């Protein structure tokens, strides 16, 4: 799919109903199923974060989306694959501002070049007590990424065709900061195992695009 075709496709999504849990559940790790029905009280008390699923044309005008590999540190999300983004800060007007600001800070994408297309379905992450709001956005030109070395180990550029390819859905045993040998549903993208909240968000994006294509 060319980037121009993708942009035309995205023009259709602004008013569609999001698949939300029906997409998320496909990629829910077994350890999270106990939290499938969290309470409104949990949501209200959770910390808030915004992340950005940013799509753009590569040099051949094909569609890509950017992910990041986090640095290794003492924490729940150490060395995981994620979208650029982070927790809301006092200077942010809203979570959309958070997602775009963090994307600039983490991978160097200028704030004024990002067009937000749609707010996606939020996800609650029990281990870290974060409620994460993803946004789908686009860049009209191929970006020159500049990673924040203190937080980002690697910038990962994924082809849309690879995300949509069902052959890249796998089941993998992983070790986390709180458990080991857990078998989880995941995407295998560019040689990386993408699981958990990021995989759940990708699952919704994949289902939306396939619904419209």
N, C-alpha and C. Protein backbone atom coordinates (compact mmCIF):
# COMPACT_ATOMS: atom_id res chain seq x y z
N UNK A 1 0.84 -1.19 0.00
CA UNK A 1 0.00 0.00 0.00
C UNK A 1 0.88 1.25 0.00
N UNK A 2 0.63 2.16 -0.95
CA UNK A 2 1.41 3.39 -1.00
C UNK A 2 0.94 4.33 0.11
N UNK A 3 1.78 5.33 0.41
CA UNK A 3 1.42 6.26 1.46
C UNK A 3 0.19 7.07 1.06
N UNK A 4 0.08 7.46 -0.20
CA UNK A 4 -1.11 8.20 -0.66
C UNK A 4 -2.38 7.38 -0.47
N UNK A 5 -2.31 6.11 -0.78
CA UNK A 5 -3.47 5.22 -0.59
C UNK A 5 -3.81 5.11 0.89
N UNK A 6 -2.78 5.06 1.72
CA UNK A 6 -2.98 4.96 3.17
C UNK A 6 -3.66 6.21 3.71
N UNK A 7 -3.23 7.38 3.28
CA UNK A 7 -3.83 8.63 3.73
C UNK A 7 -5.31 8.69 3.35
N UNK A 8 -5.64 8.26 2.14
CA UNK A 8 -7.04 8.24 1.71
C UNK A 8 -7.85 7.28 2.59
N UNK A 9 -7.23 6.18 2.95
CA UNK A 9 -7.89 5.20 3.82
C UNK A 9 -8.16 5.80 5.20
N UNK A 10 -7.19 6.51 5.72
CA UNK A 10 -7.33 7.08 7.06
C UNK A 10 -8.42 8.14 7.12
N UNK A 11 -8.72 8.76 5.99
CA UNK A 11 -9.77 9.77 5.99
C UNK A 11 -11.13 9.17 6.35
N UNK A 12 -11.23 7.85 6.24
CA UNK A 12 -12.49 7.17 6.54
C UNK A 12 -12.65 6.81 8.02
N UNK A 13 -11.56 6.86 8.79
CA UNK A 13 -11.63 6.27 10.13
C UNK A 13 -12.12 7.23 11.21
N UNK A 14 -12.22 8.51 10.89
CA UNK A 14 -12.49 9.49 11.95
C UNK A 14 -13.82 9.24 12.65
N UNK A 15 -14.79 8.69 11.94
CA UNK A 15 -16.11 8.52 12.55
C UNK A 15 -16.51 7.06 12.76
N UNK A 16 -15.57 6.13 12.55
CA UNK A 16 -15.93 4.73 12.76
C UNK A 16 -15.82 4.35 14.24
N UNK A 17 -16.56 3.34 14.62
CA UNK A 17 -16.51 2.84 15.99
C UNK A 17 -15.26 1.99 16.15
N UNK A 18 -14.54 2.22 17.22
CA UNK A 18 -13.31 1.47 17.46
C UNK A 18 -13.61 0.06 17.95
N UNK A 19 -12.83 -0.94 17.52
CA UNK A 19 -13.05 -2.32 17.98
C UNK A 19 -12.67 -2.53 19.43
N UNK A 20 -11.77 -1.71 19.96
CA UNK A 20 -11.40 -1.71 21.38
C UNK A 20 -11.09 -3.11 21.90
N UNK A 21 -11.86 -3.56 22.92
CA UNK A 21 -11.54 -4.81 23.61
C UNK A 21 -11.51 -6.02 22.69
N UNK A 22 -12.34 -6.02 21.65
CA UNK A 22 -12.36 -7.18 20.75
C UNK A 22 -11.02 -7.34 20.04
N UNK A 23 -10.34 -6.22 19.78
CA UNK A 23 -9.00 -6.27 19.20
C UNK A 23 -7.95 -6.51 20.27
N UNK A 24 -8.07 -5.81 21.39
CA UNK A 24 -7.09 -5.93 22.47
C UNK A 24 -6.98 -7.36 22.97
N UNK A 25 -8.14 -8.01 23.11
CA UNK A 25 -8.16 -9.32 23.76
C UNK A 25 -7.36 -10.37 22.99
N UNK A 26 -7.20 -10.17 21.69
CA UNK A 26 -6.43 -11.11 20.88
C UNK A 26 -4.98 -11.19 21.34
N UNK A 27 -4.50 -10.11 21.95
CA UNK A 27 -3.09 -10.03 22.31
C UNK A 27 -2.88 -9.88 23.82
N UNK A 28 -3.89 -10.22 24.61
CA UNK A 28 -3.78 -10.09 26.07
C UNK A 28 -2.92 -11.22 26.63
N UNK A 29 -1.84 -10.88 27.36
CA UNK A 29 -1.04 -11.93 28.02
C UNK A 29 -1.86 -12.64 29.09
N UNK A 30 -1.59 -13.92 29.35
CA UNK A 30 -2.35 -14.68 30.35
C UNK A 30 -2.36 -14.00 31.72
N UNK A 31 -1.27 -13.35 32.09
CA UNK A 31 -1.19 -12.72 33.41
C UNK A 31 -2.14 -11.53 33.53
N UNK A 32 -2.62 -11.01 32.39
CA UNK A 32 -3.50 -9.84 32.42
C UNK A 32 -4.97 -10.20 32.39
N UNK A 33 -5.29 -11.46 32.12
CA UNK A 33 -6.70 -11.81 31.99
C UNK A 33 -7.47 -11.61 33.29
N UNK A 34 -6.77 -11.70 34.41
CA UNK A 34 -7.42 -11.46 35.69
C UNK A 34 -7.84 -10.00 35.85
N UNK A 35 -7.23 -9.13 35.02
CA UNK A 35 -7.54 -7.69 35.10
C UNK A 35 -8.45 -7.25 33.96
N UNK A 36 -9.10 -8.20 33.30
CA UNK A 36 -9.89 -7.87 32.12
C UNK A 36 -11.04 -6.92 32.46
N UNK A 37 -11.53 -6.99 33.68
CA UNK A 37 -12.67 -6.15 34.07
C UNK A 37 -12.28 -5.28 35.26
N UNK A 38 -11.36 -4.35 35.02
CA UNK A 38 -10.94 -3.46 36.09
C UNK A 38 -12.02 -2.42 36.36
N UNK A 39 -12.01 -1.90 37.56
CA UNK A 39 -13.08 -1.01 38.00
C UNK A 39 -12.82 0.43 37.57
N UNK A 40 -13.88 1.23 37.58
CA UNK A 40 -13.74 2.66 37.27
C UNK A 40 -12.86 3.34 38.32
N UNK A 41 -12.92 2.84 39.55
CA UNK A 41 -12.07 3.41 40.60
C UNK A 41 -10.60 3.21 40.27
N UNK A 42 -10.25 2.02 39.76
CA UNK A 42 -8.87 1.78 39.35
C UNK A 42 -8.44 2.75 38.25
N UNK A 43 -9.33 2.96 37.28
CA UNK A 43 -9.02 3.87 36.17
C UNK A 43 -8.81 5.30 36.68
N UNK A 44 -9.67 5.74 37.58
CA UNK A 44 -9.58 7.10 38.08
C UNK A 44 -8.31 7.33 38.88
N UNK A 45 -7.82 6.30 39.54
CA UNK A 45 -6.62 6.44 40.36
C UNK A 45 -5.32 6.16 39.59
N UNK A 46 -5.46 5.67 38.37
CA UNK A 46 -4.27 5.32 37.58
C UNK A 46 -3.50 6.56 37.13
N UNK A 47 -2.21 6.39 36.94
CA UNK A 47 -1.40 7.43 36.32
C UNK A 47 -1.75 7.50 34.83
N UNK A 48 -1.50 8.64 34.20
CA UNK A 48 -1.92 8.87 32.82
C UNK A 48 -0.72 9.03 31.89
N UNK A 49 -0.86 8.45 30.72
CA UNK A 49 0.20 8.55 29.71
C UNK A 49 -0.42 8.63 28.32
N UNK A 50 0.31 9.25 27.41
CA UNK A 50 -0.11 9.31 26.01
C UNK A 50 0.99 8.77 25.12
N UNK A 51 0.62 7.97 24.12
CA UNK A 51 1.59 7.44 23.16
C UNK A 51 1.11 7.68 21.75
N UNK A 52 2.04 7.61 20.81
CA UNK A 52 1.72 7.94 19.42
C UNK A 52 2.11 6.81 18.47
N UNK A 53 1.13 6.32 17.74
CA UNK A 53 1.37 5.40 16.62
C UNK A 53 1.55 6.26 15.38
N UNK A 54 2.79 6.50 15.01
CA UNK A 54 3.12 7.47 13.97
C UNK A 54 3.46 6.76 12.66
N UNK A 55 2.68 7.02 11.63
CA UNK A 55 2.87 6.43 10.30
C UNK A 55 3.44 7.49 9.35
N UNK A 56 4.24 7.02 8.38
CA UNK A 56 4.94 7.95 7.48
C UNK A 56 5.41 7.19 6.25
N UNK A 57 5.76 7.89 5.18
CA UNK A 57 6.29 7.22 3.99
C UNK A 57 7.79 6.97 4.13
N UNK A 58 8.24 5.80 3.65
CA UNK A 58 9.68 5.58 3.60
C UNK A 58 10.21 6.13 2.27
N UNK A 59 11.46 5.87 1.97
CA UNK A 59 12.07 6.42 0.76
C UNK A 59 11.39 5.94 -0.51
N UNK A 60 10.74 4.78 -0.44
CA UNK A 60 10.02 4.23 -1.60
C UNK A 60 8.54 4.55 -1.57
N UNK A 61 8.15 5.48 -0.68
CA UNK A 61 6.76 5.94 -0.53
C UNK A 61 5.82 4.83 -0.07
N UNK A 62 6.39 3.82 0.61
CA UNK A 62 5.57 2.80 1.26
C UNK A 62 5.39 3.18 2.73
N UNK A 63 4.35 2.63 3.36
CA UNK A 63 3.97 3.07 4.70
C UNK A 63 4.75 2.33 5.79
N UNK A 64 5.24 3.09 6.76
CA UNK A 64 5.91 2.53 7.92
C UNK A 64 5.34 3.15 9.19
N UNK A 65 5.55 2.45 10.31
CA UNK A 65 5.19 2.96 11.63
C UNK A 65 6.42 2.80 12.51
N UNK A 66 6.60 3.74 13.43
CA UNK A 66 7.81 3.72 14.27
C UNK A 66 7.50 3.20 15.67
N UNK A 67 8.38 2.32 16.15
CA UNK A 67 8.37 1.83 17.52
C UNK A 67 9.74 2.11 18.13
N UNK A 68 9.83 1.96 19.44
CA UNK A 68 11.13 2.13 20.09
C UNK A 68 11.42 0.95 21.00
N UNK A 69 12.69 0.65 21.13
CA UNK A 69 13.17 -0.30 22.13
C UNK A 69 13.66 0.50 23.32
N UNK A 70 13.04 0.27 24.48
CA UNK A 70 13.43 1.01 25.68
C UNK A 70 14.80 0.57 26.18
N UNK A 71 15.46 1.46 26.86
CA UNK A 71 16.71 1.13 27.53
C UNK A 71 16.46 0.09 28.63
N UNK A 72 17.49 -0.64 28.98
CA UNK A 72 17.42 -1.57 30.11
C UNK A 72 17.62 -0.80 31.40
N UNK A 73 16.67 -0.96 32.31
CA UNK A 73 16.75 -0.26 33.60
C UNK A 73 15.99 -1.07 34.63
N UNK A 74 16.05 -0.66 35.87
CA UNK A 74 15.33 -1.36 36.93
C UNK A 74 13.88 -0.87 36.95
N UNK A 75 13.03 -1.57 36.23
CA UNK A 75 11.63 -1.16 36.15
C UNK A 75 10.82 -2.16 35.36
N UNK A 76 9.51 -2.03 35.46
CA UNK A 76 8.58 -3.01 34.86
C UNK A 76 8.70 -3.05 33.34
N UNK A 77 8.92 -1.90 32.71
CA UNK A 77 8.91 -1.86 31.24
C UNK A 77 10.31 -1.81 30.63
N UNK A 78 11.30 -2.25 31.38
CA UNK A 78 12.68 -2.27 30.90
C UNK A 78 12.81 -3.12 29.64
N UNK A 79 13.56 -2.59 28.66
CA UNK A 79 13.93 -3.33 27.43
C UNK A 79 12.72 -3.84 26.65
N UNK A 80 11.60 -3.16 26.75
CA UNK A 80 10.42 -3.55 25.99
C UNK A 80 10.26 -2.69 24.74
N UNK A 81 9.47 -3.20 23.80
CA UNK A 81 9.12 -2.45 22.59
C UNK A 81 7.88 -1.62 22.90
N UNK A 82 7.92 -0.36 22.51
CA UNK A 82 6.78 0.51 22.79
C UNK A 82 6.62 1.55 21.69
N UNK A 83 5.49 2.23 21.71
CA UNK A 83 5.33 3.44 20.91
C UNK A 83 6.04 4.58 21.63
N UNK A 84 6.50 5.58 20.89
CA UNK A 84 7.00 6.77 21.58
C UNK A 84 5.88 7.41 22.40
N UNK A 85 6.23 7.90 23.58
CA UNK A 85 5.23 8.51 24.46
C UNK A 85 5.67 8.42 25.90
N UNK A 86 4.81 8.88 26.79
CA UNK A 86 5.14 8.86 28.20
C UNK A 86 4.07 9.50 29.05
N UNK A 87 4.38 9.74 30.31
CA UNK A 87 3.39 10.24 31.26
C UNK A 87 3.11 11.72 31.02
N UNK A 88 1.90 12.11 31.38
CA UNK A 88 1.50 13.51 31.22
C UNK A 88 2.29 14.38 32.18
N UNK A 89 2.67 15.56 31.71
CA UNK A 89 3.41 16.52 32.50
C UNK A 89 2.59 17.80 32.67
N UNK A 90 2.90 18.61 33.68
CA UNK A 90 2.09 19.81 33.96
C UNK A 90 1.95 20.75 32.77
N UNK A 91 2.94 20.81 31.90
CA UNK A 91 2.87 21.73 30.76
C UNK A 91 1.97 21.24 29.64
N UNK A 92 1.54 19.97 29.69
CA UNK A 92 0.69 19.41 28.64
C UNK A 92 -0.77 19.81 28.84
N UNK A 93 -1.41 20.30 27.78
CA UNK A 93 -2.83 20.65 27.87
C UNK A 93 -3.69 19.40 27.97
N UNK A 94 -3.25 18.33 27.32
CA UNK A 94 -4.02 17.09 27.29
C UNK A 94 -3.07 15.95 26.89
N UNK A 95 -3.63 14.74 26.81
CA UNK A 95 -2.80 13.57 26.50
C UNK A 95 -2.32 13.56 25.05
N UNK A 96 -3.04 14.22 24.17
CA UNK A 96 -2.57 14.35 22.79
C UNK A 96 -1.28 15.16 22.77
N UNK A 97 -1.25 16.26 23.52
CA UNK A 97 -0.03 17.06 23.63
C UNK A 97 1.10 16.23 24.23
N UNK A 98 0.76 15.40 25.21
CA UNK A 98 1.77 14.53 25.84
C UNK A 98 2.41 13.62 24.80
N UNK A 99 1.57 12.95 24.01
CA UNK A 99 2.06 11.98 23.03
C UNK A 99 2.98 12.64 22.00
N UNK A 100 2.58 13.81 21.51
CA UNK A 100 3.37 14.50 20.49
C UNK A 100 4.66 15.05 21.08
N UNK A 101 4.57 15.62 22.29
CA UNK A 101 5.78 16.15 22.95
C UNK A 101 6.78 15.04 23.21
N UNK A 102 6.31 13.93 23.75
CA UNK A 102 7.21 12.82 24.07
C UNK A 102 7.83 12.24 22.80
N UNK A 103 7.08 12.23 21.71
CA UNK A 103 7.62 11.73 20.45
C UNK A 103 8.76 12.61 19.96
N UNK A 104 8.61 13.92 20.15
CA UNK A 104 9.71 14.83 19.82
C UNK A 104 10.91 14.58 20.71
N UNK A 105 10.67 14.43 22.02
CA UNK A 105 11.78 14.26 22.96
C UNK A 105 12.49 12.93 22.76
N UNK A 106 11.74 11.87 22.46
CA UNK A 106 12.34 10.53 22.38
C UNK A 106 12.99 10.24 21.04
N UNK A 107 12.35 10.69 19.93
CA UNK A 107 12.90 10.32 18.62
C UNK A 107 13.06 11.50 17.67
N UNK A 108 12.88 12.73 18.17
CA UNK A 108 13.23 13.92 17.41
C UNK A 108 12.28 14.35 16.33
N UNK A 109 11.01 13.91 16.37
CA UNK A 109 10.04 14.32 15.35
C UNK A 109 9.46 15.68 15.75
N UNK A 110 9.65 16.73 14.94
CA UNK A 110 9.14 18.05 15.30
C UNK A 110 7.63 18.05 15.54
N UNK A 111 7.22 18.72 16.60
CA UNK A 111 5.81 18.71 17.01
C UNK A 111 4.89 19.21 15.91
N UNK A 112 5.30 20.26 15.21
CA UNK A 112 4.40 20.88 14.22
C UNK A 112 4.30 20.09 12.92
N UNK A 113 5.01 18.96 12.82
CA UNK A 113 4.92 18.16 11.59
C UNK A 113 3.94 16.99 11.74
N UNK A 114 3.45 16.76 12.96
CA UNK A 114 2.60 15.61 13.24
C UNK A 114 1.13 15.99 13.08
N UNK A 115 0.39 15.19 12.31
CA UNK A 115 -1.06 15.35 12.21
C UNK A 115 -1.73 14.19 12.94
N UNK A 116 -2.51 14.50 13.97
CA UNK A 116 -3.24 13.47 14.69
C UNK A 116 -4.52 13.15 13.93
N UNK A 117 -4.70 11.87 13.59
CA UNK A 117 -5.86 11.43 12.83
C UNK A 117 -7.00 10.97 13.73
N UNK A 118 -6.65 10.20 14.77
CA UNK A 118 -7.70 9.64 15.62
C UNK A 118 -7.15 9.24 16.99
N UNK A 119 -7.98 9.43 17.99
CA UNK A 119 -7.71 8.89 19.32
C UNK A 119 -8.18 7.44 19.34
N UNK A 120 -7.31 6.54 19.77
CA UNK A 120 -7.64 5.12 19.81
C UNK A 120 -8.14 4.73 21.19
N UNK A 121 -8.35 3.45 21.43
CA UNK A 121 -8.91 2.98 22.70
C UNK A 121 -7.84 2.93 23.77
N UNK A 122 -8.16 3.46 24.94
CA UNK A 122 -7.18 3.47 26.03
C UNK A 122 -6.97 2.06 26.58
N UNK A 123 -5.83 1.87 27.19
CA UNK A 123 -5.46 0.58 27.79
C UNK A 123 -4.94 0.82 29.20
N UNK A 124 -5.45 0.03 30.12
CA UNK A 124 -4.96 0.07 31.51
C UNK A 124 -3.89 -0.99 31.68
N UNK A 125 -2.75 -0.60 32.26
CA UNK A 125 -1.63 -1.53 32.46
C UNK A 125 -1.49 -1.77 33.96
N UNK A 126 -2.02 -2.88 34.46
CA UNK A 126 -2.04 -3.12 35.91
C UNK A 126 -0.68 -3.11 36.60
N UNK A 127 0.37 -3.76 36.03
CA UNK A 127 1.64 -3.81 36.78
C UNK A 127 2.22 -2.45 37.12
N UNK A 128 2.04 -1.46 36.22
CA UNK A 128 2.59 -0.13 36.46
C UNK A 128 1.51 0.88 36.85
N UNK A 129 0.26 0.44 36.86
CA UNK A 129 -0.88 1.31 37.21
C UNK A 129 -0.94 2.55 36.32
N UNK A 130 -0.75 2.33 35.02
CA UNK A 130 -0.88 3.41 34.04
C UNK A 130 -2.09 3.17 33.16
N UNK A 131 -2.83 4.24 32.90
CA UNK A 131 -3.86 4.21 31.87
C UNK A 131 -3.29 4.95 30.67
N UNK A 132 -3.10 4.23 29.57
CA UNK A 132 -2.39 4.77 28.41
C UNK A 132 -3.38 5.10 27.30
N UNK A 133 -3.28 6.33 26.81
CA UNK A 133 -4.14 6.78 25.70
C UNK A 133 -3.31 6.84 24.42
N UNK A 134 -3.57 5.93 23.46
CA UNK A 134 -2.85 5.99 22.19
C UNK A 134 -3.55 6.91 21.18
N UNK A 135 -2.75 7.48 20.31
CA UNK A 135 -3.24 8.30 19.20
C UNK A 135 -2.61 7.79 17.91
N UNK A 136 -3.36 7.87 16.83
CA UNK A 136 -2.83 7.53 15.51
C UNK A 136 -2.53 8.83 14.79
N UNK A 137 -1.29 8.97 14.33
CA UNK A 137 -0.89 10.18 13.64
C UNK A 137 -0.08 9.88 12.40
N UNK A 138 0.11 10.90 11.57
CA UNK A 138 0.91 10.72 10.34
C UNK A 138 1.89 11.87 10.17
N UNK A 139 2.96 11.56 9.45
CA UNK A 139 3.90 12.54 8.91
C UNK A 139 3.80 12.44 7.39
N UNK A 140 3.87 13.55 6.71
CA UNK A 140 3.76 13.51 5.25
C UNK A 140 5.10 13.34 4.56
N UNK A 141 6.19 13.37 5.32
CA UNK A 141 7.52 13.18 4.75
C UNK A 141 8.29 12.15 5.55
N UNK A 142 9.30 11.56 4.93
CA UNK A 142 10.15 10.60 5.63
C UNK A 142 10.94 11.31 6.72
N UNK A 143 10.81 10.90 7.98
CA UNK A 143 11.49 11.60 9.07
C UNK A 143 12.96 11.22 9.20
N UNK A 144 13.70 12.12 9.81
CA UNK A 144 15.07 11.83 10.21
C UNK A 144 15.06 11.68 11.73
N UNK A 145 15.04 10.47 12.21
CA UNK A 145 14.91 10.24 13.64
C UNK A 145 16.21 10.56 14.37
N UNK A 146 16.06 11.11 15.57
CA UNK A 146 17.19 11.36 16.46
C UNK A 146 16.78 10.87 17.84
N UNK A 147 17.30 9.72 18.24
CA UNK A 147 16.83 9.11 19.49
C UNK A 147 17.43 9.77 20.72
N UNK A 148 16.63 9.74 21.78
CA UNK A 148 17.07 10.23 23.08
C UNK A 148 17.84 9.09 23.75
N UNK A 149 19.14 9.22 23.83
CA UNK A 149 19.99 8.11 24.25
C UNK A 149 19.73 7.64 25.68
N UNK A 150 19.21 8.52 26.52
CA UNK A 150 18.97 8.13 27.91
C UNK A 150 17.77 7.21 28.07
N UNK A 151 16.84 7.23 27.09
CA UNK A 151 15.61 6.45 27.21
C UNK A 151 15.42 5.42 26.10
N UNK A 152 15.96 5.70 24.93
CA UNK A 152 15.69 4.86 23.75
C UNK A 152 16.96 4.13 23.33
N UNK A 153 16.87 2.82 23.30
CA UNK A 153 18.00 2.00 22.85
C UNK A 153 18.05 1.93 21.33
N UNK A 154 16.86 1.81 20.70
CA UNK A 154 16.82 1.61 19.25
C UNK A 154 15.50 2.15 18.70
N UNK A 155 15.57 2.83 17.57
CA UNK A 155 14.37 3.20 16.81
C UNK A 155 14.07 2.08 15.83
N UNK A 156 12.83 1.61 15.82
CA UNK A 156 12.44 0.45 15.01
C UNK A 156 11.40 0.89 13.99
N UNK A 157 11.74 0.80 12.71
CA UNK A 157 10.83 1.21 11.64
C UNK A 157 10.19 -0.03 11.03
N UNK A 158 8.88 -0.15 11.18
CA UNK A 158 8.14 -1.34 10.78
C UNK A 158 7.27 -1.05 9.56
N UNK A 159 7.35 -1.91 8.56
CA UNK A 159 6.52 -1.76 7.38
C UNK A 159 5.06 -2.10 7.72
N UNK A 160 4.14 -1.32 7.20
CA UNK A 160 2.72 -1.60 7.42
C UNK A 160 2.37 -3.00 6.91
N UNK A 161 2.96 -3.41 5.80
CA UNK A 161 2.67 -4.74 5.25
C UNK A 161 3.04 -5.84 6.23
N UNK A 162 4.12 -5.62 7.01
CA UNK A 162 4.51 -6.62 8.01
C UNK A 162 3.52 -6.65 9.18
N UNK A 163 3.02 -5.48 9.58
CA UNK A 163 2.02 -5.44 10.65
C UNK A 163 0.74 -6.16 10.22
N UNK A 164 0.34 -6.00 8.97
CA UNK A 164 -0.92 -6.59 8.50
C UNK A 164 -0.79 -8.08 8.17
N UNK A 165 0.44 -8.58 8.09
CA UNK A 165 0.68 -9.96 7.71
C UNK A 165 0.43 -10.90 8.91
N UNK A 166 -0.59 -11.75 8.80
CA UNK A 166 -0.92 -12.66 9.91
C UNK A 166 0.19 -13.64 10.22
N UNK A 167 1.10 -13.86 9.28
CA UNK A 167 2.23 -14.77 9.54
C UNK A 167 3.15 -14.23 10.63
N UNK A 168 3.03 -12.93 10.93
CA UNK A 168 3.87 -12.33 11.96
C UNK A 168 3.23 -12.35 13.34
N UNK A 169 2.10 -13.05 13.48
CA UNK A 169 1.49 -13.30 14.79
C UNK A 169 2.08 -14.59 15.34
N UNK A 170 2.62 -14.53 16.55
CA UNK A 170 3.32 -15.68 17.13
C UNK A 170 2.92 -15.85 18.60
N UNK A 171 3.37 -16.95 19.16
CA UNK A 171 3.26 -17.17 20.60
C UNK A 171 4.68 -17.39 21.12
N UNK A 172 5.08 -16.60 22.11
CA UNK A 172 6.46 -16.63 22.59
C UNK A 172 6.51 -16.74 24.11
N UNK A 173 7.53 -17.45 24.61
CA UNK A 173 7.79 -17.46 26.04
C UNK A 173 8.72 -16.29 26.37
N UNK A 174 8.32 -15.50 27.35
CA UNK A 174 9.10 -14.33 27.70
C UNK A 174 9.36 -14.30 29.21
N UNK A 175 10.35 -13.51 29.58
CA UNK A 175 10.64 -13.27 30.99
C UNK A 175 10.47 -11.79 31.27
N UNK A 176 9.73 -11.47 32.33
CA UNK A 176 9.49 -10.09 32.69
C UNK A 176 10.12 -9.81 34.06
N UNK A 177 9.94 -8.56 34.51
CA UNK A 177 10.48 -8.18 35.81
C UNK A 177 9.72 -8.84 36.95
N UNK A 178 8.53 -9.39 36.65
CA UNK A 178 7.70 -9.97 37.70
C UNK A 178 7.37 -11.44 37.50
N UNK A 179 7.83 -12.03 36.40
CA UNK A 179 7.56 -13.46 36.16
C UNK A 179 8.49 -13.96 35.07
N UNK A 180 8.54 -15.29 34.90
CA UNK A 180 9.41 -15.86 33.87
C UNK A 180 8.69 -17.02 33.18
N UNK A 181 9.07 -17.26 31.93
CA UNK A 181 8.53 -18.39 31.17
C UNK A 181 7.06 -18.25 30.84
N UNK A 182 6.57 -17.01 30.70
CA UNK A 182 5.16 -16.80 30.35
C UNK A 182 5.03 -16.88 28.84
N UNK A 183 4.05 -17.64 28.36
CA UNK A 183 3.79 -17.71 26.93
C UNK A 183 2.75 -16.66 26.58
N UNK A 184 3.09 -15.78 25.67
CA UNK A 184 2.22 -14.66 25.35
C UNK A 184 1.99 -14.58 23.84
N UNK A 185 0.81 -14.05 23.43
CA UNK A 185 0.62 -13.73 22.01
C UNK A 185 1.43 -12.50 21.68
N UNK A 186 2.00 -12.46 20.48
CA UNK A 186 2.89 -11.35 20.14
C UNK A 186 2.95 -11.15 18.63
N UNK A 187 3.44 -9.99 18.23
CA UNK A 187 3.84 -9.73 16.86
C UNK A 187 5.35 -9.93 16.78
N UNK A 188 5.81 -10.57 15.71
CA UNK A 188 7.25 -10.65 15.44
C UNK A 188 7.53 -9.66 14.31
N UNK A 189 8.16 -8.54 14.66
CA UNK A 189 8.38 -7.45 13.72
C UNK A 189 9.84 -7.04 13.72
N UNK A 190 10.46 -7.09 12.56
CA UNK A 190 11.88 -6.74 12.42
C UNK A 190 12.77 -7.54 13.38
N UNK A 191 12.34 -8.77 13.68
CA UNK A 191 13.12 -9.61 14.58
C UNK A 191 12.86 -9.37 16.05
N UNK A 192 11.97 -8.44 16.38
CA UNK A 192 11.63 -8.12 17.77
C UNK A 192 10.29 -8.74 18.15
N UNK A 193 10.19 -9.21 19.38
CA UNK A 193 8.93 -9.73 19.91
C UNK A 193 8.18 -8.58 20.56
N UNK A 194 7.02 -8.24 19.98
CA UNK A 194 6.22 -7.12 20.48
C UNK A 194 4.98 -7.70 21.16
N UNK A 195 4.86 -7.49 22.47
CA UNK A 195 3.79 -8.11 23.23
C UNK A 195 3.21 -7.08 24.21
N UNK A 196 2.23 -7.52 25.00
CA UNK A 196 1.66 -6.66 26.03
C UNK A 196 0.85 -5.51 25.46
N UNK A 197 0.90 -4.37 26.14
CA UNK A 197 0.06 -3.23 25.77
C UNK A 197 0.33 -2.75 24.35
N UNK A 198 1.61 -2.73 23.93
CA UNK A 198 1.93 -2.28 22.57
C UNK A 198 1.30 -3.20 21.54
N UNK A 199 1.36 -4.50 21.77
CA UNK A 199 0.74 -5.46 20.85
C UNK A 199 -0.77 -5.28 20.81
N UNK A 200 -1.37 -4.98 21.96
CA UNK A 200 -2.82 -4.76 22.01
C UNK A 200 -3.21 -3.53 21.19
N UNK A 201 -2.42 -2.47 21.28
CA UNK A 201 -2.68 -1.27 20.48
C UNK A 201 -2.49 -1.55 19.00
N UNK A 202 -1.43 -2.28 18.66
CA UNK A 202 -1.18 -2.63 17.26
C UNK A 202 -2.31 -3.48 16.71
N UNK A 203 -2.87 -4.35 17.54
CA UNK A 203 -3.97 -5.21 17.11
C UNK A 203 -5.19 -4.38 16.72
N UNK A 204 -5.48 -3.33 17.50
CA UNK A 204 -6.61 -2.47 17.14
C UNK A 204 -6.34 -1.74 15.83
N UNK A 205 -5.14 -1.20 15.67
CA UNK A 205 -4.79 -0.50 14.43
C UNK A 205 -4.90 -1.45 13.24
N UNK A 206 -4.37 -2.65 13.39
CA UNK A 206 -4.44 -3.64 12.32
C UNK A 206 -5.88 -3.94 11.93
N UNK A 207 -6.73 -4.14 12.93
CA UNK A 207 -8.14 -4.46 12.64
C UNK A 207 -8.86 -3.31 11.96
N UNK A 208 -8.55 -2.07 12.37
CA UNK A 208 -9.17 -0.90 11.75
C UNK A 208 -8.79 -0.81 10.28
N UNK A 209 -7.50 -0.97 10.00
CA UNK A 209 -7.02 -0.85 8.61
C UNK A 209 -7.60 -1.95 7.74
N UNK A 210 -7.62 -3.18 8.27
CA UNK A 210 -8.18 -4.29 7.49
C UNK A 210 -9.67 -4.11 7.26
N UNK A 211 -10.35 -3.50 8.21
CA UNK A 211 -11.79 -3.24 8.05
C UNK A 211 -12.07 -2.28 6.92
N UNK A 212 -11.18 -1.29 6.74
CA UNK A 212 -11.40 -0.25 5.75
C UNK A 212 -10.79 -0.56 4.38
N UNK A 213 -9.75 -1.40 4.38
CA UNK A 213 -9.01 -1.64 3.13
C UNK A 213 -9.85 -2.46 2.13
